[in-house]
Amino acid sequence: TRYDKYAIIYRAAVVLNAVIAWSKRLSDMP
């Protein structure tokens, strides 16, 4: 359904943001 596509996109965006934030936090560590 159309909802499923939005759910997949939403999940992908959340995961992507989490990975970016995590990698930024890792790169900030000495």
PDB file of N, CA and C in Angstrom:
ATOM      1  N   THR A   1       0.832  -1.202   0.000  1.00  0.00           N
ATOM      2  CA  THR A   1       0.000   0.000   0.000  1.00  0.00           C
ATOM      3  C   THR A   1       0.866   1.252   0.000  1.00  0.00           C
ATOM      4  N   ARG A   2       0.236   2.388  -0.151  1.00  0.00           N
ATOM      5  CA  ARG A   2       0.986   3.643  -0.168  1.00  0.00           C
ATOM      6  C   ARG A   2       1.611   3.902   1.204  1.00  0.00           C
ATOM      7  N   TYR A   3       0.915   3.483   2.253  1.00  0.00           N
ATOM      8  CA  TYR A   3       1.433   3.692   3.608  1.00  0.00           C
ATOM      9  C   TYR A   3       2.751   2.963   3.828  1.00  0.00           C
ATOM     10  N   ASP A   4       2.846   1.753   3.277  1.00  0.00           N
ATOM     11  CA  ASP A   4       4.065   0.963   3.469  1.00  0.00           C
ATOM     12  C   ASP A   4       5.277   1.694   2.917  1.00  0.00           C
ATOM     13  N   LYS A   5       5.106   2.328   1.762  1.00  0.00           N
ATOM     14  CA  LYS A   5       6.239   3.040   1.156  1.00  0.00           C
ATOM     15  C   LYS A   5       6.696   4.169   2.074  1.00  0.00           C
ATOM     16  N   TYR A   6       5.724   4.907   2.640  1.00  0.00           N
ATOM     17  CA  TYR A   6       6.093   6.005   3.535  1.00  0.00           C
ATOM     18  C   TYR A   6       6.768   5.466   4.795  1.00  0.00           C
ATOM     19  N   ALA A   7       6.290   4.328   5.289  1.00  0.00           N
ATOM     20  CA  ALA A   7       6.880   3.742   6.493  1.00  0.00           C
ATOM     21  C   ALA A   7       8.327   3.347   6.229  1.00  0.00           C
ATOM     22  N   ILE A   8       8.588   2.786   5.052  1.00  0.00           N
ATOM     23  CA  ILE A   8       9.951   2.383   4.700  1.00  0.00           C
ATOM     24  C   ILE A   8      10.846   3.614   4.585  1.00  0.00           C
ATOM     25  N   ILE A   9      10.345   4.653   3.921  1.00  0.00           N
ATOM     26  CA  ILE A   9      11.135   5.881   3.759  1.00  0.00           C
ATOM     27  C   ILE A   9      11.406   6.501   5.128  1.00  0.00           C
ATOM     28  N   TYR A  10      10.385   6.516   5.995  1.00  0.00           N
ATOM     29  CA  TYR A  10      10.543   7.105   7.322  1.00  0.00           C
ATOM     30  C   TYR A  10      11.587   6.332   8.120  1.00  0.00           C
ATOM     31  N   ARG A  11      11.505   5.004   8.069  1.00  0.00           N
ATOM     32  CA  ARG A  11      12.482   4.189   8.802  1.00  0.00           C
ATOM     33  C   ARG A  11      13.879   4.407   8.259  1.00  0.00           C
ATOM     34  N   ALA A  12      13.995   4.476   6.944  1.00  0.00           N
ATOM     35  CA  ALA A  12      15.310   4.680   6.331  1.00  0.00           C
ATOM     36  C   ALA A  12      15.890   6.016   6.771  1.00  0.00           C
ATOM     37  N   ALA A  13      15.055   7.054   6.828  1.00  0.00           N
ATOM     38  CA  ALA A  13      15.533   8.377   7.238  1.00  0.00           C
ATOM     39  C   ALA A  13      15.986   8.350   8.691  1.00  0.00           C
ATOM     40  N   VAL A  14      15.232   7.678   9.543  1.00  0.00           N
ATOM     41  CA  VAL A  14      15.589   7.603  10.964  1.00  0.00           C
ATOM     42  C   VAL A  14      16.913   6.864  11.138  1.00  0.00           C
ATOM     43  N   VAL A  15      17.055   5.737  10.446  1.00  0.00           N
ATOM     44  CA  VAL A  15      18.292   4.955  10.546  1.00  0.00           C
ATOM     45  C   VAL A  15      19.463   5.766  10.023  1.00  0.00           C
ATOM     46  N   LEU A  16      19.241   6.456   8.902  1.00  0.00           N
ATOM     47  CA  LEU A  16      20.315   7.254   8.309  1.00  0.00           C
ATOM     48  C   LEU A  16      20.754   8.346   9.286  1.00  0.00           C
ATOM     49  N   ASN A  17      19.782   9.025   9.896  1.00  0.00           N
ATOM     50  CA  ASN A  17      20.125  10.072  10.865  1.00  0.00           C
ATOM     51  C   ASN A  17      20.886   9.492  12.050  1.00  0.00           C
ATOM     52  N   ALA A  18      20.474   8.324  12.513  1.00  0.00           N
ATOM     53  CA  ALA A  18      21.149   7.705  13.655  1.00  0.00           C
ATOM     54  C   ALA A  18      22.591   7.356  13.304  1.00  0.00           C
ATOM     55  N   VAL A  19      22.799   6.818  12.109  1.00  0.00           N
ATOM     56  CA  VAL A  19      24.154   6.450  11.685  1.00  0.00           C
ATOM     57  C   VAL A  19      25.030   7.693  11.564  1.00  0.00           C
ATOM     58  N   ILE A  20      24.477   8.750  10.988  1.00  0.00           N
ATOM     59  CA  ILE A  20      25.255   9.988  10.817  1.00  0.00           C
ATOM     60  C   ILE A  20      25.607  10.572  12.186  1.00  0.00           C
ATOM     61  N   ALA A  21      24.642  10.629  13.090  1.00  0.00           N
ATOM     62  CA  ALA A  21      24.897  11.174  14.424  1.00  0.00           C
ATOM     63  C   ALA A  21      25.923  10.311  15.153  1.00  0.00           C
ATOM     64  N   TRP A  22      25.814   8.982  14.997  1.00  0.00           N
ATOM     65  CA  TRP A  22      26.739   8.062  15.662  1.00  0.00           C
ATOM     66  C   TRP A  22      28.149   8.237  15.118  1.00  0.00           C
ATOM     67  N   SER A  23      28.282   8.353  13.818  1.00  0.00           N
ATOM     68  CA  SER A  23      29.612   8.507  13.215  1.00  0.00           C
ATOM     69  C   SER A  23      30.211   9.857  13.602  1.00  0.00           C
ATOM     70  N   LYS A  24      29.357  10.879  13.707  1.00  0.00           N
ATOM     71  CA  LYS A  24      29.865  12.195  14.131  1.00  0.00           C
ATOM     72  C   LYS A  24      30.375  12.108  15.561  1.00  0.00           C
ATOM     73  N   ARG A  25      29.632  11.415  16.419  1.00  0.00           N
ATOM     74  CA  ARG A  25      30.044  11.284  17.815  1.00  0.00           C
ATOM     75  C   ARG A  25      31.351  10.499  17.897  1.00  0.00           C
ATOM     76  N   LEU A  26      31.480   9.472  17.066  1.00  0.00           N
ATOM     77  CA  LEU A  26      32.714   8.680  17.063  1.00  0.00           C
ATOM     78  C   LEU A  26      33.886   9.533  16.602  1.00  0.00           C
ATOM     79  N   SER A  27      33.690  10.324  15.562  1.00  0.00           N
ATOM     80  CA  SER A  27      34.784  11.138  15.025  1.00  0.00           C
ATOM     81  C   SER A  27      35.161  12.236  16.010  1.00  0.00           C
ATOM     82  N   ASP A  28      34.217  12.637  16.875  1.00  0.00           N
ATOM     83  CA  ASP A  28      34.525  13.669  17.869  1.00  0.00           C
ATOM     84  C   ASP A  28      35.404  13.113  18.983  1.00  0.00           C
ATOM     85  N   MET A  29      35.329  11.815  19.214  1.00  0.00           N
ATOM     86  CA  MET A  29      36.133  11.210  20.273  1.00  0.00           C
ATOM     87  C   MET A  29      37.600  11.175  19.854  1.00  0.00           C
ATOM     88  N   PRO A  30      38.503  11.374  20.819  1.00  0.00           N
ATOM     89  CA  PRO A  30      39.938  11.366  20.510  1.00  0.00           C
ATOM     90  C   PRO A  30      40.451   9.970  20.170  1.00  0.00           C
TER      91      PRO A  30
END
